[in-house]
């Protein structure tokens, strides 16, 4: 059976506001992937490699944006702000799926 392929961050739910989308955005932040790489038609095993690489980078900074060097922190802010703005236009709400209880 053929391995399933990822649809790409642009076609992912709300433009990539998913765990896989976050991995891709983090890979852009750290320069693991170029920012125009959407990972469309990538095997999930290939995305796992990117996950492992981004986790390694985050570990260097205690997994905190505030610990990133200025250049990376600014890139993170830009990439994530652009993603959130685009997702909101698609109907995304950051509180989706949050149980108020």
PDB file of N, CA and C in Angstrom:
ATOM      1  N   UNK A   1       0.838  -1.180   0.000  1.00  0.00           N
ATOM      2  CA  UNK A   1       0.000   0.000   0.000  1.00  0.00           C
ATOM      3  C   UNK A   1       0.886   1.248   0.000  1.00  0.00           C
ATOM      4  N   UNK A   2       0.554   2.185  -0.847  1.00  0.00           N
ATOM      5  CA  UNK A   2       1.341   3.407  -0.966  1.00  0.00           C
ATOM      6  C   UNK A   2       1.145   4.296   0.259  1.00  0.00           C
ATOM      7  N   UNK A   3       2.224   4.946   0.654  1.00  0.00           N
ATOM      8  CA  UNK A   3       2.158   5.854   1.785  1.00  0.00           C
ATOM      9  C   UNK A   3       1.337   7.087   1.406  1.00  0.00           C
ATOM     10  N   UNK A   4       0.528   7.570   2.341  1.00  0.00           N
ATOM     11  CA  UNK A   4      -0.241   8.783   2.102  1.00  0.00           C
ATOM     12  C   UNK A   4       0.704   9.966   1.948  1.00  0.00           C
ATOM     13  N   UNK A   5       0.250  10.931   1.176  1.00  0.00           N
ATOM     14  CA  UNK A   5       1.052  12.119   0.936  1.00  0.00           C
ATOM     15  C   UNK A   5       0.355  13.336   1.540  1.00  0.00           C
ATOM     16  N   UNK A   6       1.146  14.261   2.013  1.00  0.00           N
ATOM     17  CA  UNK A   6       0.645  15.495   2.601  1.00  0.00           C
ATOM     18  C   UNK A   6       0.150  16.422   1.492  1.00  0.00           C
ATOM     19  N   UNK A   7      -0.957  17.130   1.742  1.00  0.00           N
ATOM     20  CA  UNK A   7      -1.572  17.990   0.727  1.00  0.00           C
ATOM     21  C   UNK A   7      -0.795  19.277   0.484  1.00  0.00           C
ATOM     22  N   UNK A   8       0.068  19.646   1.384  1.00  0.00           N
ATOM     23  CA  UNK A   8       0.813  20.901   1.284  1.00  0.00           C
ATOM     24  C   UNK A   8       0.228  21.923   2.238  1.00  0.00           C
ATOM     25  N   UNK A   9       1.084  22.774   2.783  1.00  0.00           N
ATOM     26  CA  UNK A   9       0.658  23.716   3.816  1.00  0.00           C
ATOM     27  C   UNK A   9      -0.440  24.657   3.307  1.00  0.00           C
ATOM     28  N   UNK A  10      -0.392  25.039   2.049  1.00  0.00           N
ATOM     29  CA  UNK A  10      -1.385  25.965   1.517  1.00  0.00           C
ATOM     30  C   UNK A  10      -2.763  25.330   1.391  1.00  0.00           C
ATOM     31  N   UNK A  11      -2.818  24.014   1.222  1.00  0.00           N
ATOM     32  CA  UNK A  11      -4.102  23.312   1.079  1.00  0.00           C
ATOM     33  C   UNK A  11      -4.508  22.613   2.371  1.00  0.00           C
ATOM     34  N   UNK A  12      -3.667  22.682   3.372  1.00  0.00           N
ATOM     35  CA  UNK A  12      -3.969  22.109   4.682  1.00  0.00           C
ATOM     36  C   UNK A  12      -5.055  22.968   5.346  1.00  0.00           C
ATOM     37  N   UNK A  13      -5.650  22.443   6.390  1.00  0.00           N
ATOM     38  CA  UNK A  13      -6.735  23.133   7.084  1.00  0.00           C
ATOM     39  C   UNK A  13      -6.324  24.542   7.494  1.00  0.00           C
ATOM     40  N   UNK A  14      -7.137  25.520   7.090  1.00  0.00           N
ATOM     41  CA  UNK A  14      -6.892  26.940   7.379  1.00  0.00           C
ATOM     42  C   UNK A  14      -5.470  27.374   6.998  1.00  0.00           C
ATOM     43  N   UNK A  15      -4.986  26.866   5.884  1.00  0.00           N
ATOM     44  CA  UNK A  15      -3.685  27.285   5.393  1.00  0.00           C
ATOM     45  C   UNK A  15      -2.524  26.799   6.235  1.00  0.00           C
ATOM     46  N   UNK A  16      -2.715  25.673   6.914  1.00  0.00           N
ATOM     47  CA  UNK A  16      -1.612  25.077   7.668  1.00  0.00           C
ATOM     48  C   UNK A  16      -1.642  25.351   9.160  1.00  0.00           C
ATOM     49  N   UNK A  17      -2.803  25.653   9.705  1.00  0.00           N
ATOM     50  CA  UNK A  17      -2.902  25.855  11.155  1.00  0.00           C
ATOM     51  C   UNK A  17      -3.150  24.502  11.816  1.00  0.00           C
ATOM     52  N   UNK A  18      -2.212  23.628  11.604  1.00  0.00           N
ATOM     53  CA  UNK A  18      -2.256  22.248  12.081  1.00  0.00           C
ATOM     54  C   UNK A  18      -0.874  21.898  12.632  1.00  0.00           C
ATOM     55  N   UNK A  19      -0.769  20.790  13.331  1.00  0.00           N
ATOM     56  CA  UNK A  19       0.567  20.400  13.815  1.00  0.00           C
ATOM     57  C   UNK A  19       1.595  20.260  12.685  1.00  0.00           C
ATOM     58  N   UNK A  20       1.201  19.688  11.568  1.00  0.00           N
ATOM     59  CA  UNK A  20       2.152  19.549  10.462  1.00  0.00           C
ATOM     60  C   UNK A  20       2.484  20.927   9.886  1.00  0.00           C
ATOM     61  N   UNK A  21       1.490  21.781   9.767  1.00  0.00           N
ATOM     62  CA  UNK A  21       1.744  23.141   9.297  1.00  0.00           C
ATOM     63  C   UNK A  21       2.716  23.879  10.202  1.00  0.00           C
ATOM     64  N   UNK A  22       2.582  23.665  11.498  1.00  0.00           N
ATOM     65  CA  UNK A  22       3.504  24.306  12.441  1.00  0.00           C
ATOM     66  C   UNK A  22       4.929  23.795  12.269  1.00  0.00           C
ATOM     67  N   UNK A  23       5.073  22.522  11.996  1.00  0.00           N
ATOM     68  CA  UNK A  23       6.410  21.967  11.753  1.00  0.00           C
ATOM     69  C   UNK A  23       7.034  22.641  10.531  1.00  0.00           C
ATOM     70  N   UNK A  24       6.237  22.796   9.490  1.00  0.00           N
ATOM     71  CA  UNK A  24       6.754  23.426   8.269  1.00  0.00           C
ATOM     72  C   UNK A  24       7.129  24.879   8.540  1.00  0.00           C
ATOM     73  N   UNK A  25       6.259  25.604   9.240  1.00  0.00           N
ATOM     74  CA  UNK A  25       6.571  27.003   9.556  1.00  0.00           C
ATOM     75  C   UNK A  25       7.839  27.086  10.410  1.00  0.00           C
ATOM     76  N   UNK A  26       7.993  26.190  11.363  1.00  0.00           N
ATOM     77  CA  UNK A  26       9.210  26.177  12.178  1.00  0.00           C
ATOM     78  C   UNK A  26      10.436  25.869  11.336  1.00  0.00           C
ATOM     79  N   UNK A  27      10.282  24.974  10.372  1.00  0.00           N
ATOM     80  CA  UNK A  27      11.400  24.667   9.471  1.00  0.00           C
ATOM     81  C   UNK A  27      11.775  25.897   8.650  1.00  0.00           C
ATOM     82  N   UNK A  28      10.789  26.708   8.281  1.00  0.00           N
ATOM     83  CA  UNK A  28      11.083  27.970   7.592  1.00  0.00           C
ATOM     84  C   UNK A  28      11.852  28.906   8.528  1.00  0.00           C
ATOM     85  N   UNK A  29      11.395  28.994   9.768  1.00  0.00           N
ATOM     86  CA  UNK A  29      12.051  29.882  10.745  1.00  0.00           C
ATOM     87  C   UNK A  29      13.529  29.538  10.861  1.00  0.00           C
ATOM     88  N   UNK A  30      13.819  28.258  11.013  1.00  0.00           N
ATOM     89  CA  UNK A  30      15.198  27.819  11.255  1.00  0.00           C
ATOM     90  C   UNK A  30      16.009  27.633   9.977  1.00  0.00           C
ATOM     91  N   UNK A  31      15.409  27.886   8.821  1.00  0.00           N
ATOM     92  CA  UNK A  31      16.142  27.752   7.568  1.00  0.00           C
ATOM     93  C   UNK A  31      16.350  26.311   7.140  1.00  0.00           C
ATOM     94  N   UNK A  32      15.602  25.396   7.723  1.00  0.00           N
ATOM     95  CA  UNK A  32      15.689  23.988   7.328  1.00  0.00           C
ATOM     96  C   UNK A  32      15.042  23.803   5.960  1.00  0.00           C
ATOM     97  N   UNK A  33      13.974  24.543   5.721  1.00  0.00           N
ATOM     98  CA  UNK A  33      13.297  24.563   4.427  1.00  0.00           C
ATOM     99  C   UNK A  33      13.232  26.005   3.932  1.00  0.00           C
ATOM    100  N   UNK A  34      13.301  26.204   2.628  1.00  0.00           N
ATOM    101  CA  UNK A  34      13.067  27.553   2.116  1.00  0.00           C
ATOM    102  C   UNK A  34      11.594  27.909   2.312  1.00  0.00           C
ATOM    103  N   UNK A  35      11.311  29.195   2.470  1.00  0.00           N
ATOM    104  CA  UNK A  35       9.948  29.627   2.777  1.00  0.00           C
ATOM    105  C   UNK A  35       8.952  29.365   1.652  1.00  0.00           C
ATOM    106  N   UNK A  36       9.412  29.065   0.473  1.00  0.00           N
ATOM    107  CA  UNK A  36       8.473  28.743  -0.608  1.00  0.00           C
ATOM    108  C   UNK A  36       8.212  27.237  -0.726  1.00  0.00           C
ATOM    109  N   UNK A  37       8.794  26.439   0.165  1.00  0.00           N
ATOM    110  CA  UNK A  37       8.560  24.988   0.159  1.00  0.00           C
ATOM    111  C   UNK A  37       7.264  24.690   0.921  1.00  0.00           C
ATOM    112  N   UNK A  38       6.259  24.191   0.223  1.00  0.00           N
ATOM    113  CA  UNK A  38       4.956  23.890   0.843  1.00  0.00           C
ATOM    114  C   UNK A  38       4.835  22.439   1.299  1.00  0.00           C
ATOM    115  N   UNK A  39       5.773  21.615   0.901  1.00  0.00           N
ATOM    116  CA  UNK A  39       5.795  20.183   1.222  1.00  0.00           C
ATOM    117  C   UNK A  39       4.635  19.422   0.581  1.00  0.00           C
ATOM    118  N   UNK A  40       4.062  19.989  -0.465  1.00  0.00           N
ATOM    119  CA  UNK A  40       2.976  19.310  -1.176  1.00  0.00           C
ATOM    120  C   UNK A  40       3.484  17.991  -1.747  1.00  0.00           C
ATOM    121  N   UNK A  41       2.685  16.953  -1.534  1.00  0.00           N
ATOM    122  CA  UNK A  41       2.963  15.593  -2.008  1.00  0.00           C
ATOM    123  C   UNK A  41       4.160  14.941  -1.333  1.00  0.00           C
ATOM    124  N   UNK A  42       4.539  15.443  -0.177  1.00  0.00           N
ATOM    125  CA  UNK A  42       5.604  14.791   0.587  1.00  0.00           C
ATOM    126  C   UNK A  42       5.018  13.615   1.368  1.00  0.00           C
ATOM    127  N   UNK A  43       5.794  12.556   1.470  1.00  0.00           N
ATOM    128  CA  UNK A  43       5.416  11.425   2.330  1.00  0.00           C
ATOM    129  C   UNK A  43       5.531  11.868   3.785  1.00  0.00           C
ATOM    130  N   UNK A  44       4.659  11.332   4.616  1.00  0.00           N
ATOM    131  CA  UNK A  44       4.691  11.698   6.026  1.00  0.00           C
ATOM    132  C   UNK A  44       6.003  11.301   6.694  1.00  0.00           C
ATOM    133  N   UNK A  45       6.651  10.257   6.193  1.00  0.00           N
ATOM    134  CA  UNK A  45       7.958   9.888   6.743  1.00  0.00           C
ATOM    135  C   UNK A  45       8.992  10.980   6.485  1.00  0.00           C
ATOM    136  N   UNK A  46       8.874  11.659   5.375  1.00  0.00           N
ATOM    137  CA  UNK A  46       9.786  12.766   5.070  1.00  0.00           C
ATOM    138  C   UNK A  46       9.506  13.956   5.995  1.00  0.00           C
ATOM    139  N   UNK A  47       8.228  14.185   6.305  1.00  0.00           N
ATOM    140  CA  UNK A  47       7.859  15.247   7.239  1.00  0.00           C
ATOM    141  C   UNK A  47       8.361  14.936   8.645  1.00  0.00           C
ATOM    142  N   UNK A  48       8.433  13.653   8.986  1.00  0.00           N
ATOM    143  CA  UNK A  48       8.958  13.257  10.298  1.00  0.00           C
ATOM    144  C   UNK A  48      10.421  13.675  10.430  1.00  0.00           C
ATOM    145  N   UNK A  49      11.168  13.576   9.371  1.00  0.00           N
ATOM    146  CA  UNK A  49      12.570  14.003   9.383  1.00  0.00           C
ATOM    147  C   UNK A  49      12.645  15.506   9.663  1.00  0.00           C
ATOM    148  N   UNK A  50      11.772  16.272   9.017  1.00  0.00           N
ATOM    149  CA  UNK A  50      11.733  17.731   9.237  1.00  0.00           C
ATOM    150  C   UNK A  50      11.334  18.015  10.678  1.00  0.00           C
ATOM    151  N   UNK A  51      10.379  17.267  11.196  1.00  0.00           N
ATOM    152  CA  UNK A  51       9.978  17.415  12.607  1.00  0.00           C
ATOM    153  C   UNK A  51      11.172  17.207  13.527  1.00  0.00           C
ATOM    154  N   UNK A  52      11.913  16.157  13.297  1.00  0.00           N
ATOM    155  CA  UNK A  52      13.069  15.854  14.143  1.00  0.00           C
ATOM    156  C   UNK A  52      14.111  16.976  14.074  1.00  0.00           C
ATOM    157  N   UNK A  53      14.329  17.508  12.880  1.00  0.00           N
ATOM    158  CA  UNK A  53      15.298  18.596  12.724  1.00  0.00           C
ATOM    159  C   UNK A  53      14.824  19.862  13.441  1.00  0.00           C
ATOM    160  N   UNK A  54      13.540  20.200  13.323  1.00  0.00           N
ATOM    161  CA  UNK A  54      13.037  21.401  13.992  1.00  0.00           C
ATOM    162  C   UNK A  54      13.034  21.215  15.501  1.00  0.00           C
ATOM    163  N   UNK A  55      12.730  20.012  15.969  1.00  0.00           N
ATOM    164  CA  UNK A  55      12.768  19.748  17.411  1.00  0.00           C
ATOM    165  C   UNK A  55      14.179  19.961  17.946  1.00  0.00           C
ATOM    166  N   UNK A  56      15.160  19.493  17.205  1.00  0.00           N
ATOM    167  CA  UNK A  56      16.561  19.678  17.601  1.00  0.00           C
ATOM    168  C   UNK A  56      16.892  21.169  17.717  1.00  0.00           C
ATOM    169  N   UNK A  57      16.422  21.965  16.758  1.00  0.00           N
ATOM    170  CA  UNK A  57      16.678  23.412  16.811  1.00  0.00           C
ATOM    171  C   UNK A  57      15.956  24.054  17.992  1.00  0.00           C
ATOM    172  N   UNK A  58      14.693  23.709  18.201  1.00  0.00           N
ATOM    173  CA  UNK A  58      13.946  24.278  19.330  1.00  0.00           C
ATOM    174  C   UNK A  58      14.599  23.919  20.659  1.00  0.00           C
ATOM    175  N   UNK A  59      15.121  22.718  20.768  1.00  0.00           N
ATOM    176  CA  UNK A  59      15.771  22.290  22.019  1.00  0.00           C
ATOM    177  C   UNK A  59      16.936  23.197  22.395  1.00  0.00           C
ATOM    178  N   UNK A  60      17.619  23.753  21.404  1.00  0.00           N
ATOM    179  CA  UNK A  60      18.741  24.665  21.663  1.00  0.00           C
ATOM    180  C   UNK A  60      18.287  25.916  22.411  1.00  0.00           C
ATOM    181  N   UNK A  61      17.002  26.259  22.253  1.00  0.00           N
ATOM    182  CA  UNK A  61      16.465  27.494  22.827  1.00  0.00           C
ATOM    183  C   UNK A  61      15.399  27.225  23.883  1.00  0.00           C
ATOM    184  N   UNK A  62      15.421  26.021  24.433  1.00  0.00           N
ATOM    185  CA  UNK A  62      14.465  25.677  25.475  1.00  0.00           C
ATOM    186  C   UNK A  62      13.029  25.707  25.001  1.00  0.00           C
ATOM    187  N   UNK A  63      12.831  25.562  23.708  1.00  0.00           N
ATOM    188  CA  UNK A  63      11.495  25.549  23.101  1.00  0.00           C
ATOM    189  C   UNK A  63      10.721  26.842  23.354  1.00  0.00           C
ATOM    190  N   UNK A  64      11.421  27.951  23.532  1.00  0.00           N
ATOM    191  CA  UNK A  64      10.788  29.238  23.811  1.00  0.00           C
ATOM    192  C   UNK A  64      11.160  30.269  22.748  1.00  0.00           C
ATOM    193  N   UNK A  65      10.149  30.894  22.182  1.00  0.00           N
ATOM    194  CA  UNK A  65      10.393  31.952  21.200  1.00  0.00           C
ATOM    195  C   UNK A  65      11.235  33.052  21.822  1.00  0.00           C
ATOM    196  N   UNK A  66      10.985  33.349  23.074  1.00  0.00           N
ATOM    197  CA  UNK A  66      11.715  34.436  23.742  1.00  0.00           C
ATOM    198  C   UNK A  66      13.212  34.160  23.860  1.00  0.00           C
ATOM    199  N   UNK A  67      13.613  32.915  23.723  1.00  0.00           N
ATOM    200  CA  UNK A  67      15.039  32.573  23.794  1.00  0.00           C
ATOM    201  C   UNK A  67      15.730  32.594  22.434  1.00  0.00           C
ATOM    202  N   UNK A  68      14.959  32.796  21.368  1.00  0.00           N
ATOM    203  CA  UNK A  68      15.559  32.832  20.034  1.00  0.00           C
ATOM    204  C   UNK A  68      16.402  34.086  19.861  1.00  0.00           C
ATOM    205  N   UNK A  69      17.478  34.005  19.102  1.00  0.00           N
ATOM    206  CA  UNK A  69      18.222  35.218  18.757  1.00  0.00           C
ATOM    207  C   UNK A  69      17.303  36.163  17.983  1.00  0.00           C
ATOM    208  N   UNK A  70      17.624  37.451  18.001  1.00  0.00           N
ATOM    209  CA  UNK A  70      16.765  38.465  17.386  1.00  0.00           C
ATOM    210  C   UNK A  70      16.333  38.110  15.963  1.00  0.00           C
ATOM    211  N   UNK A  71      17.264  37.710  15.133  1.00  0.00           N
ATOM    212  CA  UNK A  71      16.946  37.405  13.735  1.00  0.00           C
ATOM    213  C   UNK A  71      15.896  36.306  13.639  1.00  0.00           C
ATOM    214  N   UNK A  72      16.079  35.225  14.393  1.00  0.00           N
ATOM    215  CA  UNK A  72      15.113  34.126  14.363  1.00  0.00           C
ATOM    216  C   UNK A  72      13.785  34.524  14.986  1.00  0.00           C
ATOM    217  N   UNK A  73      13.829  35.293  16.052  1.00  0.00           N
ATOM    218  CA  UNK A  73      12.591  35.734  16.712  1.00  0.00           C
ATOM    219  C   UNK A  73      11.785  36.613  15.760  1.00  0.00           C
ATOM    220  N   UNK A  74      12.448  37.498  15.035  1.00  0.00           N
ATOM    221  CA  UNK A  74      11.762  38.353  14.068  1.00  0.00           C
ATOM    222  C   UNK A  74      11.196  37.536  12.905  1.00  0.00           C
ATOM    223  N   UNK A  75      11.960  36.570  12.430  1.00  0.00           N
ATOM    224  CA  UNK A  75      11.475  35.705  11.345  1.00  0.00           C
ATOM    225  C   UNK A  75      10.267  34.904  11.830  1.00  0.00           C
ATOM    226  N   UNK A  76      10.346  34.384  13.063  1.00  0.00           N
ATOM    227  CA  UNK A  76       9.226  33.630  13.638  1.00  0.00           C
ATOM    228  C   UNK A  76       7.982  34.506  13.706  1.00  0.00           C
ATOM    229  N   UNK A  77       8.133  35.718  14.203  1.00  0.00           N
ATOM    230  CA  UNK A  77       6.993  36.632  14.328  1.00  0.00           C
ATOM    231  C   UNK A  77       6.370  36.910  12.965  1.00  0.00           C
ATOM    232  N   UNK A  78       7.203  37.154  11.967  1.00  0.00           N
ATOM    233  CA  UNK A  78       6.701  37.451  10.616  1.00  0.00           C
ATOM    234  C   UNK A  78       5.964  36.258  10.022  1.00  0.00           C
ATOM    235  N   UNK A  79       6.586  35.086  10.077  1.00  0.00           N
ATOM    236  CA  UNK A  79       5.998  33.884   9.483  1.00  0.00           C
ATOM    237  C   UNK A  79       4.681  33.537  10.168  1.00  0.00           C
ATOM    238  N   UNK A  80       4.671  33.547  11.477  1.00  0.00           N
ATOM    239  CA  UNK A  80       3.450  33.169  12.193  1.00  0.00           C
ATOM    240  C   UNK A  80       2.370  34.236  12.069  1.00  0.00           C
ATOM    241  N   UNK A  81       2.735  35.511  12.026  1.00  0.00           N
ATOM    242  CA  UNK A  81       1.716  36.562  11.848  1.00  0.00           C
ATOM    243  C   UNK A  81       1.076  36.437  10.482  1.00  0.00           C
ATOM    244  N   UNK A  82       1.888  36.220   9.453  1.00  0.00           N
ATOM    245  CA  UNK A  82       1.345  36.041   8.103  1.00  0.00           C
ATOM    246  C   UNK A  82       0.420  34.830   8.048  1.00  0.00           C
ATOM    247  N   UNK A  83       0.809  33.747   8.704  1.00  0.00           N
ATOM    248  CA  UNK A  83      -0.011  32.535   8.719  1.00  0.00           C
ATOM    249  C   UNK A  83      -1.338  32.779   9.443  1.00  0.00           C
ATOM    250  N   UNK A  84      -1.282  33.466  10.572  1.00  0.00           N
ATOM    251  CA  UNK A  84      -2.512  33.743  11.318  1.00  0.00           C
ATOM    252  C   UNK A  84      -3.428  34.687  10.544  1.00  0.00           C
ATOM    253  N   UNK A  85      -2.880  35.695   9.914  1.00  0.00           N
ATOM    254  CA  UNK A  85      -3.687  36.618   9.122  1.00  0.00           C
ATOM    255  C   UNK A  85      -4.390  35.877   7.982  1.00  0.00           C
ATOM    256  N   UNK A  86      -3.651  35.032   7.282  1.00  0.00           N
ATOM    257  CA  UNK A  86      -4.232  34.267   6.173  1.00  0.00           C
ATOM    258  C   UNK A  86      -5.292  33.289   6.686  1.00  0.00           C
ATOM    259  N   UNK A  87      -5.024  32.644   7.810  1.00  0.00           N
ATOM    260  CA  UNK A  87      -5.962  31.669   8.371  1.00  0.00           C
ATOM    261  C   UNK A  87      -7.258  32.342   8.817  1.00  0.00           C
ATOM    262  N   UNK A  88      -7.151  33.511   9.403  1.00  0.00           N
ATOM    263  CA  UNK A  88      -8.365  34.244   9.820  1.00  0.00           C
ATOM    264  C   UNK A  88      -9.235  34.557   8.612  1.00  0.00           C
ATOM    265  N   UNK A  89      -8.636  34.887   7.487  1.00  0.00           N
ATOM    266  CA  UNK A  89      -9.407  35.150   6.264  1.00  0.00           C
ATOM    267  C   UNK A  89     -10.151  33.897   5.795  1.00  0.00           C
ATOM    268  N   UNK A  90      -9.646  32.738   6.195  1.00  0.00           N
ATOM    269  CA  UNK A  90     -10.284  31.465   5.840  1.00  0.00           C
ATOM    270  C   UNK A  90     -11.261  30.992   6.920  1.00  0.00           C
ATOM    271  N   UNK A  91     -11.459  31.811   7.953  1.00  0.00           N
ATOM    272  CA  UNK A  91     -12.414  31.470   8.998  1.00  0.00           C
ATOM    273  C   UNK A  91     -11.822  30.853  10.248  1.00  0.00           C
ATOM    274  N   UNK A  92     -10.513  30.823  10.332  1.00  0.00           N
ATOM    275  CA  UNK A  92      -9.848  30.245  11.501  1.00  0.00           C
ATOM    276  C   UNK A  92     -10.015  31.149  12.714  1.00  0.00           C
ATOM    277  N   UNK A  93     -10.228  30.528  13.856  1.00  0.00           N
ATOM    278  CA  UNK A  93     -10.302  31.230  15.142  1.00  0.00           C
ATOM    279  C   UNK A  93      -9.326  30.510  16.061  1.00  0.00           C
ATOM    280  N   UNK A  94      -8.409  31.231  16.701  1.00  0.00           N
ATOM    281  CA  UNK A  94      -7.425  30.561  17.558  1.00  0.00           C
ATOM    282  C   UNK A  94      -8.047  29.805  18.729  1.00  0.00           C
ATOM    283  N   UNK A  95      -9.301  30.073  19.032  1.00  0.00           N
ATOM    284  CA  UNK A  95      -9.978  29.368  20.128  1.00  0.00           C
ATOM    285  C   UNK A  95     -10.804  28.182  19.648  1.00  0.00           C
ATOM    286  N   UNK A  96     -10.706  27.848  18.386  1.00  0.00           N
ATOM    287  CA  UNK A  96     -11.464  26.703  17.852  1.00  0.00           C
ATOM    288  C   UNK A  96     -11.082  25.445  18.606  1.00  0.00           C
ATOM    289  N   UNK A  97     -12.072  24.701  18.982  1.00  0.00           N
ATOM    290  CA  UNK A  97     -11.821  23.434  19.645  1.00  0.00           C
ATOM    291  C   UNK A  97     -11.435  23.537  21.089  1.00  0.00           C
ATOM    292  N   UNK A  98     -11.444  24.732  21.646  1.00  0.00           N
ATOM    293  CA  UNK A  98     -11.109  24.922  23.066  1.00  0.00           C
ATOM    294  C   UNK A  98     -12.402  24.807  23.850  1.00  0.00           C
ATOM    295  N   UNK A  99     -12.439  23.899  24.787  1.00  0.00           N
ATOM    296  CA  UNK A  99     -13.607  23.696  25.632  1.00  0.00           C
ATOM    297  C   UNK A  99     -13.617  24.781  26.712  1.00  0.00           C
ATOM    298  N   UNK A 100     -14.665  25.605  26.775  1.00  0.00           N
ATOM    299  CA  UNK A 100     -14.675  26.719  27.737  1.00  0.00           C
ATOM    300  C   UNK A 100     -14.811  26.270  29.190  1.00  0.00           C
ATOM    301  N   UNK A 101     -15.088  25.022  29.431  1.00  0.00           N
ATOM    302  CA  UNK A 101     -15.251  24.549  30.824  1.00  0.00           C
ATOM    303  C   UNK A 101     -13.956  24.312  31.513  1.00  0.00           C
TER     304      UNK A 101
END
